[in-house]
Every structure is written in structure tokens, then in C-alpha cells.
């Protein structure tokens, strides 16, 4: 597989520090860590997993909001009976 060199400019120092810390935790160089991260990020199954997770989180949020609205309505009804 052909490889191409890329250069990223103007990256905040705190971002680089976090990348270095994460790479160190995996006993990897910064370069290797970013290379693997890019490969994983561009893997279509990985991306689909993220999309699926976001969809589930949206559904859960909708359900939580619905339950919250129902609870508010029940509370209002109970207060009216007093």
C-alpha cells in the first residue's frame, strides 16, 4: 500500500500534549498513535458504529424527554386534585 506524508499545522499545544499522553499510555509514538487513529476513524464499520450509537442516544433522549413531560403532566393533575 502506498503511503503519503501529511503535515498538520497550527495544532494547539494542549491538543498535542493530550495526544502524547494517550500515545504514551499505549506505548506508541505520536506518529503511530495518529496513524492508527486515522485508520480506525476511516474504517466504515467504525463510523457506522458511531452513527448507530448517536441514533440510540437520540432515541433515549427522546424517551427521557417524553417521560419528563408525562411526569410534569401527572404532577399538574395531582396538584389540581388538592
C-alpha atoms as a PDB file:
ATOM      1  CA  UNK A   1       0.000   0.000   0.000  1.00  0.00           C
ATOM      2  CA  UNK A   2       1.342   3.408  -0.972  1.00  0.00           C
ATOM      3  CA  UNK A   3       1.770   5.888   1.853  1.00  0.00           C
ATOM      4  CA  UNK A   4       1.673   9.661   1.687  1.00  0.00           C
ATOM      5  CA  UNK A   5       3.120  12.087   4.175  1.00  0.00           C
ATOM      6  CA  UNK A   6       0.799  14.698   5.656  1.00  0.00           C
ATOM      7  CA  UNK A   7       1.592  17.736   7.777  1.00  0.00           C
ATOM      8  CA  UNK A   8      -0.867  19.418  10.110  1.00  0.00           C
ATOM      9  CA  UNK A   9      -0.134  22.998  11.105  1.00  0.00           C
ATOM     10  CA  UNK A  10      -1.343  25.214  13.937  1.00  0.00           C
ATOM     11  CA  UNK A  11      -2.339  22.494  16.377  1.00  0.00           C
ATOM     12  CA  UNK A  12      -2.823  23.790  19.919  1.00  0.00           C
ATOM     13  CA  UNK A  13      -0.128  22.729  22.368  1.00  0.00           C
ATOM     14  CA  UNK A  14      -2.712  21.266  24.754  1.00  0.00           C
ATOM     15  CA  UNK A  15      -4.031  19.032  21.970  1.00  0.00           C
ATOM     16  CA  UNK A  16      -0.527  17.771  21.240  1.00  0.00           C
ATOM     17  CA  UNK A  17       0.033  17.159  24.959  1.00  0.00           C
ATOM     18  CA  UNK A  18      -3.159  15.079  25.137  1.00  0.00           C
ATOM     19  CA  UNK A  19      -2.187  13.107  22.040  1.00  0.00           C
ATOM     20  CA  UNK A  20       1.256  12.469  23.505  1.00  0.00           C
ATOM     21  CA  UNK A  21      -0.275  11.329  26.804  1.00  0.00           C
ATOM     22  CA  UNK A  22      -2.699   8.966  25.040  1.00  0.00           C
ATOM     23  CA  UNK A  23       0.056   7.611  22.804  1.00  0.00           C
ATOM     24  CA  UNK A  24       2.302   7.062  25.807  1.00  0.00           C
ATOM     25  CA  UNK A  25      -0.444   5.107  27.577  1.00  0.00           C
ATOM     26  CA  UNK A  26      -0.480   2.751  24.580  1.00  0.00           C
ATOM     27  CA  UNK A  27       3.322   2.627  24.333  1.00  0.00           C
ATOM     28  CA  UNK A  28       3.132   4.269  20.907  1.00  0.00           C
ATOM     29  CA  UNK A  29       4.808   7.219  19.311  1.00  0.00           C
ATOM     30  CA  UNK A  30       2.713  10.252  18.480  1.00  0.00           C
ATOM     31  CA  UNK A  31       3.024   9.371  14.799  1.00  0.00           C
ATOM     32  CA  UNK A  32       1.899   5.760  15.275  1.00  0.00           C
ATOM     33  CA  UNK A  33      -0.973   6.804  17.533  1.00  0.00           C
ATOM     34  CA  UNK A  34      -2.292   9.314  14.989  1.00  0.00           C
ATOM     35  CA  UNK A  35      -1.773   6.845  12.101  1.00  0.00           C
ATOM     36  CA  UNK A  36      -3.858   4.196  13.897  1.00  0.00           C
ATOM     37  CA  UNK A  37      -6.450   6.778  14.894  1.00  0.00           C
ATOM     38  CA  UNK A  38      -6.853   7.885  11.270  1.00  0.00           C
ATOM     39  CA  UNK A  39      -7.119   4.305  10.069  1.00  0.00           C
ATOM     40  CA  UNK A  40      -9.746   3.493  12.694  1.00  0.00           C
ATOM     41  CA  UNK A  41     -11.670   6.688  12.014  1.00  0.00           C
ATOM     42  CA  UNK A  42     -11.839   5.978   8.296  1.00  0.00           C
ATOM     43  CA  UNK A  43     -12.914   2.359   8.788  1.00  0.00           C
ATOM     44  CA  UNK A  44     -16.524   2.327   7.597  1.00  0.00           C
ATOM     45  CA  UNK A  45     -17.681  -0.176  10.204  1.00  0.00           C
ATOM     46  CA  UNK A  46     -16.231   2.015  12.971  1.00  0.00           C
ATOM     47  CA  UNK A  47     -18.005   5.054  11.569  1.00  0.00           C
ATOM     48  CA  UNK A  48     -21.276   3.113  11.303  1.00  0.00           C
ATOM     49  CA  UNK A  49     -20.920   2.091  14.951  1.00  0.00           C
ATOM     50  CA  UNK A  50     -20.618   5.763  15.894  1.00  0.00           C
ATOM     51  CA  UNK A  51     -23.662   6.688  13.785  1.00  0.00           C
ATOM     52  CA  UNK A  52     -25.651   3.844  15.357  1.00  0.00           C
ATOM     53  CA  UNK A  53     -24.624   4.915  18.866  1.00  0.00           C
ATOM     54  CA  UNK A  54     -25.664   8.506  18.183  1.00  0.00           C
ATOM     55  CA  UNK A  55     -29.041   7.315  16.882  1.00  0.00           C
ATOM     56  CA  UNK A  56     -29.602   5.232  20.030  1.00  0.00           C
ATOM     57  CA  UNK A  57     -28.623   8.190  22.212  1.00  0.00           C
ATOM     58  CA  UNK A  58     -31.103  10.406  20.324  1.00  0.00           C
ATOM     59  CA  UNK A  59     -33.860   7.850  20.877  1.00  0.00           C
ATOM     60  CA  UNK A  60     -33.028   7.594  24.573  1.00  0.00           C
ATOM     61  CA  UNK A  61     -33.087  11.373  24.871  1.00  0.00           C
ATOM     62  CA  UNK A  62     -36.494  11.479  23.168  1.00  0.00           C
ATOM     63  CA  UNK A  63     -37.823   8.849  25.570  1.00  0.00           C
ATOM     64  CA  UNK A  64     -36.384  10.698  28.577  1.00  0.00           C
ATOM     65  CA  UNK A  65     -37.958  13.954  27.393  1.00  0.00           C
ATOM     66  CA  UNK A  66     -41.304  12.218  26.890  1.00  0.00           C
ATOM     67  CA  UNK A  67     -41.165  10.713  30.394  1.00  0.00           C
ATOM     68  CA  UNK A  68     -40.258  14.117  31.825  1.00  0.00           C
ATOM     69  CA  UNK A  69     -43.258  15.727  30.097  1.00  0.00           C
ATOM     70  CA  UNK A  70     -45.543  12.949  31.325  1.00  0.00           C
ATOM     71  CA  UNK A  71     -44.278  13.421  34.877  1.00  0.00           C
ATOM     72  CA  UNK A  72     -44.923  17.154  34.664  1.00  0.00           C
ATOM     73  CA  UNK A  73     -48.474  16.476  33.454  1.00  0.00           C
ATOM     74  CA  UNK A  74     -49.111  13.977  36.248  1.00  0.00           C
ATOM     75  CA  UNK A  75     -47.764  16.449  38.799  1.00  0.00           C
ATOM     76  CA  UNK A  76     -50.050  19.145  37.417  1.00  0.00           C
ATOM     77  CA  UNK A  77     -53.050  16.812  37.626  1.00  0.00           C
ATOM     78  CA  UNK A  78     -52.214  15.845  41.210  1.00  0.00           C
ATOM     79  CA  UNK A  79     -51.881  19.494  42.205  1.00  0.00           C
ATOM     80  CA  UNK A  80     -55.291  20.247  40.685  1.00  0.00           C
ATOM     81  CA  UNK A  81     -56.895  17.494  42.803  1.00  0.00           C
ATOM     82  CA  UNK A  82     -55.659  19.075  46.037  1.00  0.00           C
END
